Amino acid sequence: DEDLKISLYDKDGFLLCEDYDGERKPFIRRGDGDFNSGEGHKLERDQEKHKVEVLKRMFGNEYFYGLGETTGHINKKGYSYIGWNSDNP
């Protein structure tokens, strides 16, 4: 059962977007989560594997902006997020 990986190129063969296929580094959570739970968010601490997960390759000079969040830094590179389809915590 292999994972599906996709790479997108322009008409000249220049890589535009690619799924990450390298080794994963473990996520290290910063802080104790009090800030998140104070905003009504639940943190899953012991979740080993997600059913659907999309990882994109980022080059060293790229940044990742926005995710619809209204708090925190605008550059989201280096952070981990779980998306949901409702604003109801």
C-alpha atoms as a PDB file:
ATOM      1  CA  ASP A   1       0.000   0.000   0.000  1.00  0.00           C
ATOM      2  CA  GLU A   2       2.075   2.937  -1.283  1.00  0.00           C
ATOM      3  CA  ASP A   3       1.492   6.593  -0.544  1.00  0.00           C
ATOM      4  CA  LEU A   4       0.447   8.830  -3.424  1.00  0.00           C
ATOM      5  CA  LYS A   5       3.006  11.565  -4.193  1.00  0.00           C
ATOM      6  CA  ILE A   6       2.499  14.321  -6.783  1.00  0.00           C
ATOM      7  CA  SER A   7       4.961  16.699  -8.463  1.00  0.00           C
ATOM      8  CA  LEU A   8       3.876  19.624 -10.668  1.00  0.00           C
ATOM      9  CA  TYR A   9       6.088  21.156 -13.381  1.00  0.00           C
ATOM     10  CA  ASP A  10       5.585  24.033 -15.797  1.00  0.00           C
ATOM     11  CA  LYS A  11       5.795  23.552 -19.581  1.00  0.00           C
ATOM     12  CA  ASP A  12       9.596  24.062 -19.467  1.00  0.00           C
ATOM     13  CA  GLY A  13      10.113  21.342 -16.861  1.00  0.00           C
ATOM     14  CA  PHE A  14      10.617  23.728 -13.909  1.00  0.00           C
ATOM     15  CA  LEU A  15       9.416  22.215 -10.630  1.00  0.00           C
ATOM     16  CA  LEU A  16       6.491  24.237  -9.232  1.00  0.00           C
ATOM     17  CA  CYS A  17       5.204  22.116  -6.371  1.00  0.00           C
ATOM     18  CA  GLU A  18       6.159  18.718  -4.996  1.00  0.00           C
ATOM     19  CA  ASP A  19       4.962  16.405  -2.245  1.00  0.00           C
ATOM     20  CA  TYR A  20       7.639  15.778   0.377  1.00  0.00           C
ATOM     21  CA  ASP A  21       9.012  12.241   0.177  1.00  0.00           C
ATOM     22  CA  GLY A  22      11.958  12.464   2.573  1.00  0.00           C
ATOM     23  CA  GLU A  23      12.541  11.423   6.134  1.00  0.00           C
ATOM     24  CA  ARG A  24      10.191  12.952   8.706  1.00  0.00           C
ATOM     25  CA  LYS A  25      11.582  14.674  11.762  1.00  0.00           C
ATOM     26  CA  PRO A  26       9.455  14.325  14.881  1.00  0.00           C
ATOM     27  CA  PHE A  27       7.301  17.337  15.720  1.00  0.00           C
ATOM     28  CA  ILE A  28       8.427  19.038  18.920  1.00  0.00           C
ATOM     29  CA  ARG A  29       5.575  20.953  20.536  1.00  0.00           C
ATOM     30  CA  ARG A  30       6.564  24.337  21.942  1.00  0.00           C
ATOM     31  CA  GLY A  31       5.015  25.333  25.251  1.00  0.00           C
ATOM     32  CA  ASP A  32       2.491  23.473  27.366  1.00  0.00           C
ATOM     33  CA  GLY A  33      -0.645  24.242  25.351  1.00  0.00           C
ATOM     34  CA  ASP A  34      -2.255  26.615  27.865  1.00  0.00           C
ATOM     35  CA  PHE A  35      -2.548  29.341  25.223  1.00  0.00           C
ATOM     36  CA  ASN A  36      -4.307  26.993  22.790  1.00  0.00           C
ATOM     37  CA  SER A  37      -6.719  25.553  25.320  1.00  0.00           C
ATOM     38  CA  GLY A  38      -7.460  29.099  26.521  1.00  0.00           C
ATOM     39  CA  GLU A  39      -8.756  29.797  23.001  1.00  0.00           C
ATOM     40  CA  GLY A  40     -10.912  26.656  23.039  1.00  0.00           C
ATOM     41  CA  HIS A  41      -8.640  24.370  20.997  1.00  0.00           C
ATOM     42  CA  LYS A  42      -7.952  20.761  21.963  1.00  0.00           C
ATOM     43  CA  LEU A  43      -4.385  19.499  21.440  1.00  0.00           C
ATOM     44  CA  GLU A  44      -3.901  15.876  20.462  1.00  0.00           C
ATOM     45  CA  ARG A  45      -0.660  14.874  22.149  1.00  0.00           C
ATOM     46  CA  ASP A  46      -0.314  11.166  21.394  1.00  0.00           C
ATOM     47  CA  GLN A  47      -1.591  10.918  17.838  1.00  0.00           C
ATOM     48  CA  GLU A  48       0.793   8.617  15.944  1.00  0.00           C
ATOM     49  CA  LYS A  49      -0.592   8.635  12.400  1.00  0.00           C
ATOM     50  CA  HIS A  50      -3.195  10.691  10.584  1.00  0.00           C
ATOM     51  CA  LYS A  51      -5.619   9.146   8.100  1.00  0.00           C
ATOM     52  CA  VAL A  52      -4.962  11.851   5.498  1.00  0.00           C
ATOM     53  CA  GLU A  53      -1.764  13.858   5.527  1.00  0.00           C
ATOM     54  CA  VAL A  54      -0.318  16.204   2.892  1.00  0.00           C
ATOM     55  CA  LEU A  55       3.323  17.240   3.150  1.00  0.00           C
ATOM     56  CA  LYS A  56       4.838  19.651   0.639  1.00  0.00           C
ATOM     57  CA  ARG A  57       8.522  20.070  -0.070  1.00  0.00           C
ATOM     58  CA  MET A  58       9.789  23.567   0.716  1.00  0.00           C
ATOM     59  CA  PHE A  59      13.037  24.980  -0.536  1.00  0.00           C
ATOM     60  CA  GLY A  60      15.305  26.794   1.940  1.00  0.00           C
ATOM     61  CA  ASN A  61      14.446  30.297   0.750  1.00  0.00           C
ATOM     62  CA  GLU A  62      10.640  29.883   0.799  1.00  0.00           C
ATOM     63  CA  TYR A  63       8.137  31.046   3.380  1.00  0.00           C
ATOM     64  CA  PHE A  64       4.636  29.824   4.173  1.00  0.00           C
ATOM     65  CA  TYR A  65       2.101  32.583   4.760  1.00  0.00           C
ATOM     66  CA  GLY A  66      -1.326  32.410   6.305  1.00  0.00           C
ATOM     67  CA  LEU A  67      -3.750  29.610   6.984  1.00  0.00           C
ATOM     68  CA  GLY A  68      -6.731  31.723   7.914  1.00  0.00           C
ATOM     69  CA  GLU A  69      -5.460  32.139  11.477  1.00  0.00           C
ATOM     70  CA  THR A  70      -6.061  35.519  13.102  1.00  0.00           C
ATOM     71  CA  THR A  71      -3.365  35.150  15.776  1.00  0.00           C
ATOM     72  CA  GLY A  72       0.350  34.456  15.809  1.00  0.00           C
ATOM     73  CA  HIS A  73       3.106  35.201  13.330  1.00  0.00           C
ATOM     74  CA  ILE A  74       2.182  35.547   9.649  1.00  0.00           C
ATOM     75  CA  ASN A  75       5.031  33.252   8.507  1.00  0.00           C
ATOM     76  CA  LYS A  76       3.877  29.727   9.399  1.00  0.00           C
ATOM     77  CA  LYS A  77       7.040  27.935   8.194  1.00  0.00           C
ATOM     78  CA  GLY A  78       8.298  25.451  10.790  1.00  0.00           C
ATOM     79  CA  TYR A  79       4.953  25.053  12.555  1.00  0.00           C
ATOM     80  CA  SER A  80       2.507  22.153  12.449  1.00  0.00           C
ATOM     81  CA  TYR A  81      -1.241  22.645  12.030  1.00  0.00           C
ATOM     82  CA  ILE A  82      -4.316  20.469  11.959  1.00  0.00           C
ATOM     83  CA  GLY A  83      -7.043  21.824   9.674  1.00  0.00           C
ATOM     84  CA  TRP A  84     -10.734  21.509  10.382  1.00  0.00           C
ATOM     85  CA  ASN A  85     -13.847  22.485   8.484  1.00  0.00           C
ATOM     86  CA  SER A  86     -15.619  24.375  11.262  1.00  0.00           C
ATOM     87  CA  ASP A  87     -14.893  27.300  13.576  1.00  0.00           C
ATOM     88  CA  ASN A  88     -16.706  25.494  16.381  1.00  0.00           C
ATOM     89  CA  PRO A  89     -13.947  24.282  18.788  1.00  0.00           C
END
